[in-house]
Amino acid sequence: MMSDREVWLKAWDVVRTHGALESAPVVATLLDILGDDPHHSDWARVAAAVDAINEGVLQ
């Protein structure tokens, strides 16, 4: 399982690489960033962090 810091760093990687994910497949993007076998809860945490970054909301 990822630490909170790792989650935010991965989320920034997603945003930096694909922006708001409007044109990139979300699952493929997360697999590229998280690796082949991400922990189930890491998916949700990274996705929520990406949403927060794209909305400009700090948690």
N, C-alpha and C. Protein backbone atom coordinates (compact mmCIF):
# COMPACT_ATOMS: atom_id res chain seq x y z
N MET A 1 0.84 -1.18 0.00
CA MET A 1 0.00 0.00 0.00
C MET A 1 0.89 1.25 0.00
N MET A 2 0.47 2.26 -0.73
CA MET A 2 1.25 3.49 -0.85
C MET A 2 1.01 4.41 0.34
N SER A 3 2.04 5.19 0.64
CA SER A 3 1.89 6.24 1.65
C SER A 3 1.11 7.40 1.02
N ASP A 4 0.64 8.32 1.87
CA ASP A 4 -0.07 9.49 1.36
C ASP A 4 0.81 10.28 0.38
N ARG A 5 2.08 10.41 0.73
CA ARG A 5 3.01 11.15 -0.14
C ARG A 5 3.12 10.49 -1.51
N GLU A 6 3.26 9.16 -1.52
CA GLU A 6 3.35 8.43 -2.79
C GLU A 6 2.09 8.60 -3.63
N VAL A 7 0.93 8.59 -2.98
CA VAL A 7 -0.33 8.79 -3.69
C VAL A 7 -0.33 10.13 -4.41
N TRP A 8 0.05 11.20 -3.69
CA TRP A 8 0.05 12.53 -4.30
C TRP A 8 1.09 12.65 -5.40
N LEU A 9 2.25 12.04 -5.22
CA LEU A 9 3.26 12.07 -6.27
C LEU A 9 2.78 11.35 -7.53
N LYS A 10 2.14 10.21 -7.36
CA LYS A 10 1.58 9.48 -8.51
C LYS A 10 0.49 10.30 -9.18
N ALA A 11 -0.35 10.95 -8.37
CA ALA A 11 -1.42 11.78 -8.94
C ALA A 11 -0.83 12.93 -9.76
N TRP A 12 0.22 13.56 -9.25
CA TRP A 12 0.88 14.64 -10.01
C TRP A 12 1.46 14.10 -11.31
N ASP A 13 2.01 12.86 -11.28
CA ASP A 13 2.52 12.25 -12.51
C ASP A 13 1.41 12.10 -13.54
N VAL A 14 0.23 11.66 -13.08
CA VAL A 14 -0.90 11.49 -14.00
C VAL A 14 -1.30 12.83 -14.60
N VAL A 15 -1.45 13.85 -13.75
CA VAL A 15 -1.88 15.17 -14.22
C VAL A 15 -0.83 15.77 -15.16
N ARG A 16 0.43 15.65 -14.79
CA ARG A 16 1.50 16.21 -15.62
C ARG A 16 1.54 15.52 -16.99
N THR A 17 1.34 14.22 -17.00
CA THR A 17 1.42 13.46 -18.24
C THR A 17 0.18 13.59 -19.11
N HIS A 18 -1.00 13.59 -18.47
CA HIS A 18 -2.25 13.50 -19.22
C HIS A 18 -3.25 14.60 -18.93
N GLY A 19 -2.86 15.60 -18.20
CA GLY A 19 -3.79 16.69 -17.90
C GLY A 19 -5.01 16.19 -17.16
N ALA A 20 -6.18 16.56 -17.63
CA ALA A 20 -7.43 16.21 -16.96
C ALA A 20 -7.94 14.82 -17.37
N LEU A 21 -7.15 14.07 -18.09
CA LEU A 21 -7.51 12.72 -18.54
C LEU A 21 -8.70 12.70 -19.49
N GLU A 22 -8.96 13.82 -20.15
CA GLU A 22 -10.08 13.87 -21.07
C GLU A 22 -9.83 13.03 -22.32
N SER A 23 -8.57 12.93 -22.74
CA SER A 23 -8.30 12.19 -23.96
C SER A 23 -7.54 10.90 -23.72
N ALA A 24 -7.17 10.63 -22.48
CA ALA A 24 -6.40 9.42 -22.18
C ALA A 24 -7.28 8.41 -21.45
N PRO A 25 -7.15 7.14 -21.81
CA PRO A 25 -7.90 6.11 -21.09
C PRO A 25 -7.45 6.06 -19.62
N VAL A 26 -8.37 6.19 -18.72
CA VAL A 26 -8.05 6.29 -17.30
C VAL A 26 -7.38 5.03 -16.78
N VAL A 27 -7.90 3.87 -17.09
CA VAL A 27 -7.33 2.62 -16.56
C VAL A 27 -5.91 2.42 -17.07
N ALA A 28 -5.69 2.62 -18.34
CA ALA A 28 -4.34 2.45 -18.90
C ALA A 28 -3.37 3.45 -18.28
N THR A 29 -3.83 4.66 -18.08
CA THR A 29 -2.98 5.68 -17.47
C THR A 29 -2.59 5.29 -16.05
N LEU A 30 -3.58 4.85 -15.26
CA LEU A 30 -3.27 4.45 -13.89
C LEU A 30 -2.35 3.24 -13.86
N LEU A 31 -2.54 2.28 -14.75
CA LEU A 31 -1.65 1.13 -14.81
C LEU A 31 -0.23 1.55 -15.16
N ASP A 32 -0.09 2.50 -16.09
CA ASP A 32 1.23 2.99 -16.45
C ASP A 32 1.92 3.64 -15.26
N ILE A 33 1.17 4.43 -14.50
CA ILE A 33 1.74 5.15 -13.37
C ILE A 33 1.97 4.24 -12.17
N LEU A 34 1.00 3.38 -11.86
CA LEU A 34 1.08 2.54 -10.65
C LEU A 34 1.86 1.26 -10.85
N GLY A 35 2.02 0.82 -12.07
CA GLY A 35 2.69 -0.45 -12.32
C GLY A 35 1.68 -1.55 -12.58
N ASP A 36 2.17 -2.77 -12.73
CA ASP A 36 1.32 -3.87 -13.14
C ASP A 36 0.33 -4.35 -12.09
N ASP A 37 0.68 -4.26 -10.82
CA ASP A 37 -0.17 -4.86 -9.80
C ASP A 37 -0.43 -3.89 -8.64
N PRO A 38 -1.16 -2.81 -8.89
CA PRO A 38 -1.41 -1.85 -7.81
C PRO A 38 -2.38 -2.42 -6.78
N HIS A 39 -2.22 -2.00 -5.56
CA HIS A 39 -3.16 -2.39 -4.50
C HIS A 39 -4.51 -1.74 -4.81
N HIS A 40 -5.59 -2.45 -4.56
CA HIS A 40 -6.94 -1.98 -4.92
C HIS A 40 -7.23 -0.60 -4.36
N SER A 41 -6.91 -0.35 -3.10
CA SER A 41 -7.23 0.95 -2.50
C SER A 41 -6.37 2.06 -3.06
N ASP A 42 -5.19 1.73 -3.60
CA ASP A 42 -4.34 2.76 -4.19
C ASP A 42 -5.00 3.40 -5.41
N TRP A 43 -5.73 2.61 -6.20
CA TRP A 43 -6.43 3.15 -7.37
C TRP A 43 -7.35 4.28 -6.96
N ALA A 44 -8.19 4.01 -5.97
CA ALA A 44 -9.17 5.00 -5.53
C ALA A 44 -8.49 6.23 -4.95
N ARG A 45 -7.44 6.04 -4.20
CA ARG A 45 -6.73 7.17 -3.58
C ARG A 45 -6.06 8.05 -4.63
N VAL A 46 -5.40 7.44 -5.62
CA VAL A 46 -4.75 8.22 -6.67
C VAL A 46 -5.80 8.94 -7.51
N ALA A 47 -6.89 8.25 -7.84
CA ALA A 47 -7.95 8.88 -8.64
C ALA A 47 -8.55 10.07 -7.90
N ALA A 48 -8.77 9.94 -6.59
CA ALA A 48 -9.31 11.06 -5.81
C ALA A 48 -8.32 12.22 -5.76
N ALA A 49 -7.04 11.90 -5.65
CA ALA A 49 -6.02 12.96 -5.64
C ALA A 49 -5.96 13.66 -6.99
N VAL A 50 -6.07 12.92 -8.09
CA VAL A 50 -6.09 13.53 -9.42
C VAL A 50 -7.29 14.47 -9.54
N ASP A 51 -8.45 14.02 -9.07
CA ASP A 51 -9.64 14.87 -9.10
C ASP A 51 -9.42 16.15 -8.30
N ALA A 52 -8.83 16.02 -7.11
CA ALA A 52 -8.57 17.19 -6.27
C ALA A 52 -7.61 18.16 -6.95
N ILE A 53 -6.57 17.63 -7.56
CA ILE A 53 -5.60 18.48 -8.27
C ILE A 53 -6.29 19.20 -9.42
N ASN A 54 -7.08 18.47 -10.19
CA ASN A 54 -7.75 19.08 -11.34
C ASN A 54 -8.80 20.11 -10.93
N GLU A 55 -9.36 19.95 -9.75
CA GLU A 55 -10.35 20.92 -9.25
C GLU A 55 -9.69 22.05 -8.49
N GLY A 56 -8.39 21.95 -8.23
CA GLY A 56 -7.68 22.99 -7.50
C GLY A 56 -8.00 23.02 -6.02
N VAL A 57 -8.34 21.85 -5.46
CA VAL A 57 -8.71 21.77 -4.06
C VAL A 57 -7.62 21.00 -3.31
N LEU A 58 -7.09 21.62 -2.26
CA LEU A 58 -6.10 20.94 -1.43
C LEU A 58 -6.82 20.17 -0.33
N GLN A 59 -6.29 18.99 -0.03
CA GLN A 59 -6.87 18.19 1.05
C GLN A 59 -5.96 18.19 2.24
